[in-house]
Protein backbone atom coordinates (compact mmCIF):
# COMPACT_ATOMS: atom_id res chain seq x y z
CA MET A 1 0.05 0.20 0.09
CA ALA A 2 1.07 3.48 -0.95
CA LEU A 3 2.98 5.03 2.14
CA LEU A 4 2.84 8.45 3.41
CA ALA A 5 4.68 9.72 6.58
CA LEU A 6 3.68 12.59 8.92
CA GLY A 7 5.85 15.29 10.69
CA GLY A 8 9.15 14.48 9.28
CA MET A 9 8.52 10.66 8.06
CA ALA A 10 8.91 8.92 4.49
CA CYS A 11 6.51 9.51 1.67
CA GLY A 12 7.28 7.36 -0.68
CA GLY A 13 10.52 6.52 0.53
CA LYS A 14 11.07 10.39 0.86
CA ASP A 15 11.31 12.72 3.88
CA VAL A 16 8.97 15.41 2.60
CA ARG A 17 8.19 19.04 3.62
CA PRO A 18 4.89 20.23 3.90
CA PRO A 19 2.91 20.02 0.46
CA ASP A 20 3.99 22.57 -2.22
CA THR A 21 0.67 24.01 -2.86
CA GLU A 22 1.91 25.40 -6.02
CA ASN A 23 3.43 22.38 -7.47
CA PRO A 24 1.79 19.39 -5.59
CA VAL A 25 3.57 15.94 -6.36
CA ALA A 26 1.68 13.97 -8.46
CA GLY A 27 0.32 10.59 -6.63
CA ASP A 28 1.12 12.15 -3.07
CA PRO A 29 -2.09 11.93 -0.90
CA CYS A 30 -0.97 15.13 1.17
CA ALA A 31 -1.09 17.39 -2.62
CA PRO A 32 -3.63 20.00 -2.13
CA SER A 33 -6.47 20.15 -4.75
CA THR A 34 -7.27 22.89 -6.76
CA ALA A 35 -10.65 22.13 -7.35
CA ALA A 36 -13.56 23.89 -5.77
CA GLU A 37 -15.24 21.65 -3.01
CA PRO A 38 -18.31 20.66 -4.47
CA ALA A 39 -21.82 21.70 -2.41
CA SER A 40 -23.42 19.72 0.41
CA GLY A 41 -25.58 16.97 -1.09
CA THR A 42 -22.98 16.02 -3.76
CA CYS A 43 -20.98 12.90 -3.19
CA ALA A 44 -17.27 14.18 -3.78
CA PRO A 45 -14.32 12.12 -2.91
CA VAL A 46 -12.69 12.02 0.23
CA ARG A 47 -10.11 14.94 1.10
CA LEU A 48 -6.92 14.91 2.92
CA GLN A 49 -5.25 18.44 4.36
CA CYS A 50 -2.29 17.45 5.63
CA ALA A 51 -0.23 19.45 8.30
CA GLN A 52 -2.77 21.64 9.16
CA ASP A 53 -2.74 24.34 12.51
CA LEU A 54 -6.12 24.13 14.31
CA GLU A 55 -5.35 26.68 17.16
CA GLY A 56 -2.06 25.80 17.67
CA PHE A 57 -2.51 21.39 17.01
CA LYS A 58 -0.92 19.93 14.12
CA THR A 59 -3.42 18.16 12.40
CA ASP A 60 -4.35 15.85 9.22
CA ARG A 61 -7.42 16.40 8.33
CA TYR A 62 -10.05 14.20 6.67
CA VAL A 63 -13.21 15.39 4.50
CA TRP A 64 -15.60 12.88 3.53
CA ARG A 65 -19.24 12.77 2.18
CA ASP A 66 -21.75 10.72 4.57
CA ARG A 67 -24.26 8.60 3.28
CA ASP A 68 -26.34 11.57 2.63
CA CYS A 69 -23.48 12.88 0.91
CA HIS A 70 -22.99 15.72 3.43
CA VAL A 71 -20.17 16.91 4.72
CA ARG A 72 -18.38 15.16 7.41
CA SER A 73 -14.72 15.92 8.89
CA VAL A 74 -12.34 14.86 11.44
CA SER A 75 -9.08 16.76 12.32
CA LEU A 76 -6.15 14.07 13.44
CA VAL A 77 -3.30 15.51 16.13
CA ARG A 78 -0.22 13.90 14.77
CA ASN A 79 1.45 11.87 17.47
CA ASP A 80 4.99 12.64 16.77
CA ALA A 81 5.54 15.56 18.98
CA ALA A 82 3.98 17.49 22.00
CA ASP A 83 1.01 19.24 21.26
CA PRO A 84 -0.62 22.61 23.07
CA ALA A 85 -2.53 20.37 25.43
CA GLY A 86 0.22 18.83 26.79
CA TRP A 87 -0.16 15.39 25.12
CA ASN A 88 1.39 13.56 22.04
CA GLY A 89 -1.21 13.90 20.13
CA GLY A 90 -2.95 10.89 18.21
CA TYR A 91 -6.44 11.92 18.97
CA ILE A 92 -9.40 13.70 16.66
CA ARG A 93 -9.03 17.03 18.23
CA ARG A 94 -12.72 18.21 15.90
CA TYR A 95 -15.06 16.20 14.10
CA THR A 96 -17.11 18.41 12.21
CA TYR A 97 -20.83 17.11 10.44
CA GLU A 98 -23.92 19.00 9.18
CA VAL A 99 -27.26 19.25 11.27
CA ALA A 100 -30.61 21.31 9.65
CA ASN A 101 -27.83 22.01 6.65
CA ALA A 102 -25.63 23.78 8.61
CA GLU A 103 -22.14 22.75 9.86
CA ARG A 104 -21.92 21.17 13.57
CA VAL A 105 -18.36 21.38 14.94
CA CYS A 106 -17.39 19.34 17.85
CA ASP A 107 -14.06 20.01 19.61
CA GLY A 108 -12.21 18.65 22.18
CA GLN A 109 -12.45 21.22 25.27
CA ASN A 110 -11.61 19.45 28.26
CA PRO A 111 -8.28 20.31 29.44
CA GLN A 112 -6.93 17.18 30.63
CA VAL A 113 -8.74 15.04 28.16
CA PRO A 114 -8.36 17.14 24.86
CA GLY A 115 -10.18 14.91 22.38
CA TRP A 116 -11.27 11.69 21.43
CA GLY A 117 -9.26 8.75 20.34
CA MET A 118 -6.86 8.15 23.02
CA VAL A 119 -5.10 4.72 24.12
CA THR A 120 -6.12 4.10 27.22
CA SER A 121 -5.36 0.59 29.55
CA HIS A 122 -5.34 0.31 33.18
CA LEU A 123 -4.01 -2.37 35.09
CA ASN A 124 -5.25 -4.47 37.80
CA GLY A 125 -2.32 -4.34 40.36
CA GLY A 126 1.37 -3.54 39.74
CA GLN A 127 3.28 -0.18 40.47
CA THR A 128 1.09 2.18 38.45
CA TRP A 129 -2.37 2.49 37.68
CA GLY A 130 -2.61 2.55 34.05
CA ALA A 131 -0.67 4.01 30.75
CA TRP A 132 -2.17 6.56 28.17
CA THR A 133 -0.52 7.87 25.09
CA GLN A 134 -0.26 11.42 26.56
CA ASP A 135 3.42 11.20 27.37
CA VAL A 136 4.17 8.97 24.65
CA ARG A 137 5.68 9.69 20.95
CA GLY A 138 4.79 7.90 18.37
CA THR A 139 4.52 7.21 14.39
CA GLY A 140 2.15 7.98 11.87
CA ARG A 141 0.82 7.60 8.14
CA VAL A 142 -1.38 6.86 5.26
CA VAL A 143 -1.65 3.68 4.66
CA PHE A 144 -3.82 3.92 1.33
CA LYS A 145 -5.76 7.19 -0.09
CA GLY A 146 -7.79 6.32 -3.00
CA ALA A 147 -10.73 8.28 -4.22
CA HIS A 148 -13.27 7.64 -2.03
CA HIS A 149 -11.75 5.69 1.23
CA ALA A 150 -8.95 6.57 2.98
CA LEU A 151 -6.76 4.39 5.77
CA HIS A 152 -4.69 6.43 8.45
CA GLU A 153 -2.65 4.43 10.84
CA LEU A 154 -1.22 5.74 14.33
CA LYS A 155 1.45 3.63 16.55
CA TRP A 156 2.79 3.71 19.77
CA PRO A 157 5.48 1.99 21.80
CA LEU A 158 3.03 1.85 25.18
CA SER A 159 4.64 0.88 28.43
CA LEU A 160 2.67 -0.85 30.93
CA ASP A 161 4.72 -1.66 34.51
CA GLY A 162 7.57 -1.43 32.07
CA ASN A 163 6.42 -3.50 29.53
CA VAL A 164 5.92 -2.73 25.89
CA VAL A 165 2.93 -2.95 24.37
CA ARG A 166 3.18 -1.87 20.64
CA VAL A 167 -0.47 -0.47 19.78
CA THR A 168 -1.59 0.01 16.50
CA VAL A 169 -4.48 2.33 15.49
CA GLN A 170 -6.15 2.75 12.38
CA TYR A 171 -9.04 5.34 10.83
CA LEU A 172 -10.95 4.20 8.22
CA PHE A 173 -12.99 7.14 5.99
CA ALA A 174 -15.22 6.43 3.17
CA THR A 175 -17.70 8.49 1.17
CA GLY A 176 -21.34 6.74 1.37
CA GLN A 177 -20.39 5.82 5.37
CA ASP A 178 -21.61 8.09 8.13
CA HIS A 179 -19.26 7.27 10.78
CA PRO A 180 -15.60 6.51 10.70
CA LEU A 181 -13.95 3.05 11.99
CA TYR A 182 -11.87 2.98 14.91
CA ALA A 183 -9.07 -0.54 14.46
CA ILE A 184 -6.93 -1.23 17.46
CA THR A 185 -4.66 -3.62 18.12
CA HIS A 186 -2.38 -4.36 21.29
CA ASP A 187 0.74 -6.50 20.52
CA ALA A 188 2.10 -7.64 23.80
CA SER A 189 4.02 -10.50 22.13
CA GLY A 190 7.26 -8.92 23.05
CA PHE A 191 6.78 -10.38 26.70
CA PRO A 192 5.78 -13.56 28.33
CA ALA A 193 2.11 -13.85 28.98
CA ASP A 194 0.30 -13.33 32.66
CA ARG A 195 3.26 -10.67 33.22
CA ILE A 196 0.60 -7.84 33.22
CA GLU A 197 -3.11 -7.57 33.67
CA ALA A 198 -4.52 -4.48 31.72
CA ASP A 199 -8.12 -3.65 30.15
CA VAL A 200 -8.79 -1.75 27.65
CA ARG A 201 -10.74 1.85 26.79
CA SER A 202 -9.65 2.93 23.61
CA PRO A 203 -11.51 4.93 21.96
CA TYR A 204 -11.25 7.05 25.05
CA GLY A 205 -11.70 10.84 25.21
CA ASP A 206 -14.17 14.03 25.87
CA LEU A 207 -15.47 15.84 23.10
CA GLY A 208 -18.10 18.31 22.62
CA PHE A 209 -20.38 16.47 20.58
CA ASP A 210 -23.54 18.62 21.42
CA GLY A 211 -21.59 21.52 18.91
CA ASN A 212 -19.71 22.52 21.90
CA ALA A 213 -22.32 23.62 24.26
CA ASN A 214 -21.66 21.57 26.88
CA THR A 215 -24.73 20.72 28.05
CA ASP A 216 -26.15 18.63 30.52
CA ILE A 217 -26.24 14.69 29.66
CA ALA A 218 -29.73 13.88 29.13
CA GLY A 219 -29.32 10.09 28.81
CA LEU A 220 -26.88 7.12 28.33
CA GLY A 221 -26.54 3.70 27.77
CA TRP A 222 -24.81 0.86 26.63
CA GLY A 223 -25.08 -2.87 25.56
CA ASP A 224 -23.26 -6.16 26.52
CA ARG A 225 -25.62 -8.97 26.51
CA TYR A 226 -28.40 -6.91 27.36
CA ARG A 227 -28.86 -2.91 27.18
CA PHE A 228 -28.56 -0.38 29.61
CA VAL A 229 -30.43 3.00 29.42
CA THR A 230 -31.27 6.01 31.97
CA LEU A 231 -34.36 6.99 32.64
CA GLY A 232 -34.25 10.68 33.94
CA SER A 233 -32.70 13.78 32.88
CA PRO A 234 -30.11 15.46 33.34
CA VAL A 235 -28.73 12.13 34.08
CA THR A 236 -26.99 12.13 37.97
CA LEU A 237 -25.72 9.72 40.73
CA THR A 238 -29.48 9.48 41.81
CA THR A 239 -31.43 8.31 38.42
CA GLY A 240 -32.80 5.36 37.59
CA TRP A 241 -32.29 2.97 35.01
CA ASP A 242 -33.21 -0.07 32.94
CA TYR A 243 -31.72 -3.10 32.05
CA ARG A 244 -33.90 -5.46 30.86
CA GLU A 245 -33.63 -5.47 26.76
CA PRO A 246 -31.31 -8.27 25.52
CA ASN A 247 -28.79 -6.80 23.08
CA VAL A 248 -26.21 -8.86 20.36
CA VAL A 249 -24.07 -6.03 19.15
CA PRO A 250 -21.73 -3.92 21.80
CA TYR A 251 -22.18 -0.32 22.00
CA THR A 252 -21.99 3.23 24.34
CA ARG A 253 -23.94 6.14 24.12
CA MET A 254 -24.66 9.23 25.57
CA TRP A 255 -26.94 12.56 24.60
CA THR A 256 -27.91 15.88 24.71
CA ALA A 257 -31.59 17.25 24.49
CA ALA A 258 -30.94 21.05 23.47
CA PRO A 259 -29.20 20.98 21.54
CA ASP A 260 -30.19 17.96 20.18
CA ALA A 261 -27.33 15.20 19.86
CA GLU A 262 -25.69 12.10 20.46
CA MET A 263 -22.34 10.46 20.56
CA GLY A 264 -21.42 6.73 20.59
CA VAL A 265 -19.23 3.61 19.63
CA VAL A 266 -20.24 0.46 18.10
CA GLN A 267 -18.41 -2.92 17.75
CA THR A 268 -18.01 -4.55 14.29
CA GLN A 269 -18.93 -7.64 16.19
CA THR A 270 -21.57 -9.12 18.23
CA TRP A 271 -20.88 -9.81 21.68
CA GLU A 272 -20.62 -13.53 21.51
CA GLN A 273 -18.24 -12.91 18.50
CA LYS A 274 -16.22 -10.28 20.69
CA ALA A 275 -16.92 -9.59 24.03
CA ALA A 276 -16.67 -6.05 25.35
CA GLY A 277 -17.87 -4.41 28.31
CA GLY A 278 -16.33 -5.56 31.92
CA TYR A 279 -16.60 -5.61 35.53
CA TRP A 280 -19.96 -7.45 37.90
CA LEU A 281 -22.95 -5.45 37.13
CA TYR A 282 -23.75 -8.56 34.63
CA GLY A 283 -25.76 -9.61 37.76
CA GLN A 284 -28.66 -7.20 37.32
CA TRP A 285 -29.21 -8.23 33.53
CA GLY A 286 -32.80 -8.28 33.31
CA THR A 287 -33.76 -5.89 36.34
CA ARG A 288 -35.27 -1.86 36.53
CA HIS A 289 -34.29 0.43 39.04
CA ALA A 290 -36.85 3.09 38.32
CA ASN A 291 -35.77 5.31 41.44
CA GLY A 292 -32.24 4.54 41.03
CA PRO A 293 -29.32 4.77 42.14
CA MET A 294 -26.88 4.41 39.63
CA PRO A 295 -24.50 1.62 39.77
CA GLU A 296 -21.15 2.12 41.47
CA ASP A 297 -18.72 3.78 39.32
CA TYR A 298 -16.14 1.30 39.09
CA ASN A 299 -18.98 -1.49 38.31
CA TRP A 300 -19.93 0.00 35.02
CA ALA A 301 -19.28 -2.11 32.02
CA TYR A 302 -17.99 0.51 30.33
CA GLN A 303 -16.52 4.13 31.37
CA LEU A 304 -18.52 6.63 30.41
CA ASN A 305 -19.28 9.68 32.79
CA GLN A 306 -19.75 8.21 35.94
CA TYR A 307 -16.36 9.59 37.57
CA GLU A 308 -17.42 13.15 37.12
CA LEU A 309 -20.82 13.00 37.73
CA PRO A 310 -20.46 13.57 41.52
CA PHE A 311 -18.93 17.03 40.21
CA VAL A 312 -20.55 17.57 37.42
CA THR A 313 -23.61 16.64 35.14
CA ASN A 314 -22.41 17.83 31.64
CA SER A 315 -19.20 15.60 30.98
CA HIS A 316 -18.96 14.50 27.72
CA ARG A 317 -16.49 11.54 28.87
CA LEU A 318 -17.04 8.79 26.95
CA ALA A 319 -14.67 5.26 26.46
CA TRP A 320 -14.81 1.37 25.47
CA GLY A 321 -13.85 -0.92 28.14
CA SER A 322 -13.12 -4.75 28.54
CA ASN A 323 -12.58 -6.70 31.59
CA PHE A 324 -9.06 -6.67 33.22
CA GLY A 325 -6.94 -9.18 31.45
CA ALA A 326 -7.62 -8.29 28.03
CA VAL A 327 -4.25 -7.39 27.56
CA GLY A 328 -1.57 -9.77 28.87
CA ARG A 329 -3.34 -12.89 30.45
CA ALA A 330 -3.04 -15.93 28.57
CA GLN A 331 -6.80 -16.17 29.95
CA TYR A 332 -8.85 -13.68 31.43
CA PRO A 333 -12.28 -14.12 32.53
CA ARG A 334 -15.15 -12.27 29.94
CA LEU A 335 -16.92 -10.62 32.88
CA GLY A 336 -15.93 -9.80 36.29
CA ASP A 337 -15.70 -13.63 37.52
CA ASP A 338 -18.50 -15.20 35.56
CA GLY A 339 -15.97 -18.14 33.82
CA THR A 340 -15.94 -17.92 30.30
CA MET A 341 -12.48 -17.34 29.57
CA LEU A 342 -10.95 -15.43 26.84
CA SER A 343 -7.30 -14.75 25.83
CA GLY A 344 -5.13 -11.11 26.06
CA HIS A 345 -2.05 -12.46 24.57
CA PRO A 346 -0.29 -12.24 22.45
CA TYR A 347 -2.81 -9.65 20.85
CA GLN A 348 -5.74 -8.10 21.76
CA SER A 349 -7.98 -6.43 18.45
CA TYR A 350 -11.28 -5.53 18.01
CA SER A 351 -12.89 -2.51 15.61
CA VAL A 352 -15.85 0.02 16.47
CA PHE A 353 -17.40 2.92 14.86
CA MET A 354 -17.21 6.15 16.23
CA VAL A 355 -20.76 7.79 16.01
CA LEU A 356 -22.02 11.07 16.00
CA GLY A 357 -25.28 12.68 15.08
CA THR A 358 -28.63 13.83 16.60
CA HIS A 359 -30.21 11.78 19.37
CA ALA A 360 -33.62 12.25 17.11
CA ALA A 361 -32.12 10.52 14.17
CA ASN A 362 -31.04 6.94 16.74
CA PRO A 363 -27.51 6.62 15.44
CA VAL A 364 -26.25 4.26 17.73
CA LEU A 365 -28.64 2.20 18.13
CA SER A 366 -29.12 2.14 14.34
CA ARG A 367 -25.94 1.27 13.42
CA VAL A 368 -26.23 -1.68 16.16
CA ALA A 369 -29.37 -2.99 14.24
CA GLU A 370 -27.16 -2.69 10.90
CA VAL A 371 -24.32 -4.87 12.30
CA GLU A 372 -26.52 -7.36 13.62
CA ALA A 373 -27.96 -7.18 10.41
CA TRP A 374 -24.77 -8.29 8.76
CA GLN A 375 -24.53 -11.59 10.55
CA GLY A 376 -27.08 -13.28 8.95
CA VAL A 377 -25.75 -12.21 5.16
CA LYS A 378 -24.55 -15.01 3.55
CA LEU A 379 -21.89 -14.32 0.79
CA THR A 380 -21.16 -16.36 -2.03
CA ALA A 381 -19.14 -16.12 -5.58
CA SER A 382 -19.74 -17.55 -9.13
CA GLU A 383 -16.61 -15.54 -10.54
CA GLY A 384 -13.70 -14.79 -7.86
CA THR A 385 -13.44 -16.20 -4.06
CA VAL A 386 -15.39 -15.53 -1.01
CA ARG A 387 -12.61 -14.59 1.79
CA THR A 388 -13.27 -16.57 4.84
CA ARG A 389 -10.05 -15.80 6.96
CA GLY A 390 -8.14 -12.51 7.05
CA PRO A 391 -5.43 -10.99 9.67
CA GLY A 392 -6.92 -10.81 13.07
CA GLY A 393 -6.28 -7.08 13.39
CA VAL A 394 -4.53 -4.37 12.36
CA GLY A 395 -0.76 -4.39 12.48
CA ARG A 396 -0.89 -7.95 12.66
CA THR A 397 -0.02 -11.00 9.57
CA ASP A 398 -1.51 -14.06 11.49
CA ALA A 399 -5.08 -15.34 10.04
CA VAL A 400 -8.23 -15.81 11.73
CA ALA A 401 -11.38 -17.54 10.23
CA TYR A 402 -14.54 -14.72 10.08
CA ASP A 403 -17.49 -15.61 12.23
CA VAL A 404 -19.68 -14.81 8.61
CA ALA A 405 -17.81 -15.89 5.37
CA GLY A 406 -16.78 -13.22 3.64
CA TYR A 407 -17.66 -10.49 6.53
CA ASN A 408 -13.86 -8.58 7.59
CA PRO A 409 -14.65 -7.46 10.76
CA VAL A 410 -11.37 -5.53 11.39
CA TYR A 411 -12.72 -3.15 8.63
CA ALA A 412 -16.68 -3.72 8.52
CA THR A 413 -15.90 -4.96 4.88
CA TRP A 414 -17.12 -7.60 2.40
CA GLU A 415 -13.85 -9.65 0.70
CA ALA A 416 -13.36 -11.83 -2.10
CA ASP A 417 -10.72 -12.56 -4.29
CA ALA A 418 -10.77 -11.60 -7.78
CA ALA A 419 -10.82 -14.03 -10.98
CA ALA A 420 -8.64 -11.74 -14.11
CA ASN A 421 -10.08 -8.74 -12.20
CA ARG A 422 -13.48 -9.35 -12.21
CA VAL A 423 -15.78 -10.84 -9.57
CA THR A 424 -19.65 -11.93 -9.67
CA LEU A 425 -20.77 -11.94 -5.97
CA THR A 426 -24.63 -12.79 -4.59
CA PHE A 427 -25.56 -11.74 -1.41
CA ASP A 428 -28.58 -13.41 0.48
CA THR A 429 -29.54 -10.92 3.48
CA ALA A 430 -32.28 -13.15 4.86
CA GLY A 431 -34.44 -10.89 4.48
CA ARG A 432 -32.74 -8.30 6.54
CA THR A 433 -31.49 -5.14 5.06
CA LEU A 434 -27.76 -4.57 4.24
CA THR A 435 -27.00 -0.96 4.35
CA HIS A 436 -24.79 0.69 1.93
CA PRO A 437 -22.11 -2.09 1.83
CA MET A 438 -18.55 -1.73 1.52
CA LEU A 439 -16.54 -4.31 -0.31
CA VAL A 440 -12.23 -4.96 -0.96
CA VAL A 441 -11.75 -7.04 -3.79
CA HIS A 442 -8.05 -8.78 -3.49
CA GLY A 443 -6.21 -9.33 -6.01
CA TYR A 444 -7.07 -6.52 -8.26
CA THR A 445 -4.10 -5.84 -10.73
CA ALA A 446 -5.44 -2.98 -12.95
CA THR A 447 -4.78 0.63 -12.44
CA ASP A 448 -7.77 2.21 -12.96
CA ALA A 449 -11.59 1.44 -11.23
CA PRO A 450 -13.62 -1.36 -13.01
CA LYS A 451 -15.22 0.18 -16.17
CA ARG A 452 -18.93 -1.52 -15.71
CA LEU A 453 -20.46 -2.91 -12.18
CA THR A 454 -23.76 -4.08 -12.40
CA LEU A 455 -26.21 -4.91 -9.98
CA ASP A 456 -28.82 -7.56 -10.80
CA GLY A 457 -28.15 -7.15 -14.47
CA GLN A 458 -28.77 -3.52 -14.13
CA ALA A 459 -25.53 -1.25 -14.47
CA LEU A 460 -24.84 1.40 -11.90
CA THR A 461 -23.35 4.70 -12.27
CA ALA A 462 -19.69 5.55 -10.72
CA ASP A 463 -20.03 8.06 -7.81
CA ALA A 464 -23.60 8.15 -7.87
CA ASP A 465 -24.47 4.20 -7.60
CA TYR A 466 -20.85 3.34 -5.93
CA PHE A 467 -18.21 4.69 -4.73
CA ALA A 468 -14.36 3.00 -5.97
CA SER A 469 -10.82 3.61 -5.03
CA VAL A 470 -8.07 1.30 -6.46
CA ASP A 471 -4.91 0.69 -4.09
CA THR A 472 -2.47 -0.85 -7.18
CA GLN A 473 0.26 -1.56 -4.68
CA GLY A 474 -2.00 -3.43 -2.47
CA GLN A 475 -3.49 -4.66 -5.34
CA ALA A 476 -6.76 -3.98 -3.74
CA LEU A 477 -10.48 -2.59 -5.18
CA TRP A 478 -12.22 -0.89 -2.73
CA LEU A 479 -16.24 -0.50 -3.44
CA THR A 480 -18.99 1.41 -1.25
CA LEU A 481 -22.27 0.76 -2.67
CA GLN A 482 -24.70 3.94 -2.32
CA ARG A 483 -27.76 1.77 -1.88
CA ASP A 484 -29.01 -1.07 0.40
CA LEU A 485 -29.66 -4.43 -0.42
CA LYS A 486 -32.63 -7.01 0.86
CA GLY A 487 -33.17 -10.21 -0.04
CA SER A 488 -30.80 -12.05 -3.03
CA ALA A 489 -28.64 -8.93 -5.07
CA THR A 490 -26.00 -9.90 -7.50
CA LEU A 491 -23.12 -7.76 -7.73
CA ARG A 492 -20.78 -7.94 -10.93
CA VAL A 493 -17.49 -6.25 -11.24
CA GLU A 494 -15.74 -6.26 -14.93
């Protein structure tokens, strides 16, 4: 795949300065575009604006169009130098999207936690409580930047009690997709199992997801095997809650009422495929406590704003979570001490969507429903081959079997190998809806996008019905369909 180094790293094998705006280098993902930005509602290509100064923060800004072709953007702080907040970057400082035809700007505003996407692990015992990437300098690069798809990578050597866990994070942005994908691997292969017992809380952060209004949190919740949801507004330590509804795909979320806004995280796999959340609250599954109080702060299945609630009701803190041992232990209990054992060594990998939108649109639970629907899809090939295995996570080369044939949970993509740059795939959705599927066709050796795509025999129009990117070095074709599939549908690429 094409490489681009950030902040003095290599671009195509060369050290580079910030891009020359008058003489852009051909094929350089950082080369600025001279074309005017199309109006919102037009599905334009993904743009990358490198080395942008955002109020003193050195960022790489990705601009893409969501499923409605409205403009979204993320500004990632570079992780190779100290930033004005006292961190070494590696997080989203600003996320923008459109609400009622106006841009909503969501910034990191907490001085201690200045954005969203930090890598965070805590130790269960040890000389130190935990580790963040705050004081750790890393490296970054553009793994791949095509017309409509981009992968951005950040890496750190994260020390947990003197044991270096090598962390790789990749962000995926794509035309026609609302939410960036965040994929992470903790690589503890450099030291023996059971030397540490750490959890995972990435992507960790604090973002003004209500357009920087910093209003009270009107509600919050999460999903493990059941759905936890608060019953009163604003959320306080005495708020009532309900934990009775069964759940399939793990998530966290919180929202505000005025303005109407929601932020959350949704995993690309089911809880059975990849357990998420931790601790001992599972004894309350199936119960309702209308009059509160909220569970003890240490016992929430995920970290949200519980540690700030004794002091304020407008904390926008939100993170992911696991049981202790998810990093470092040869075996650790899935939840608390429930008896089902998982492995946290040598790797711990998972992928999630970073979700922002209006609470009225229900973006988190809508994405949960979509991921759940994907589990029932049957993908077959009459030309080419459906992939059934792939790397276990970003930054890994070991192959693992997919739970659903063709579905790669690392990137939430449907994957196949081409036959002479052609593939014919049939999706059977079992009556459910496959929303704007994203595909990767491997073994694609052409340098240009395919000349013809058809869906059930009907020709599709490039940049309207689908969005294509060619990764010439990786010999892969990335496709996003700008439509939903239901029932049986056959896609032909030729």
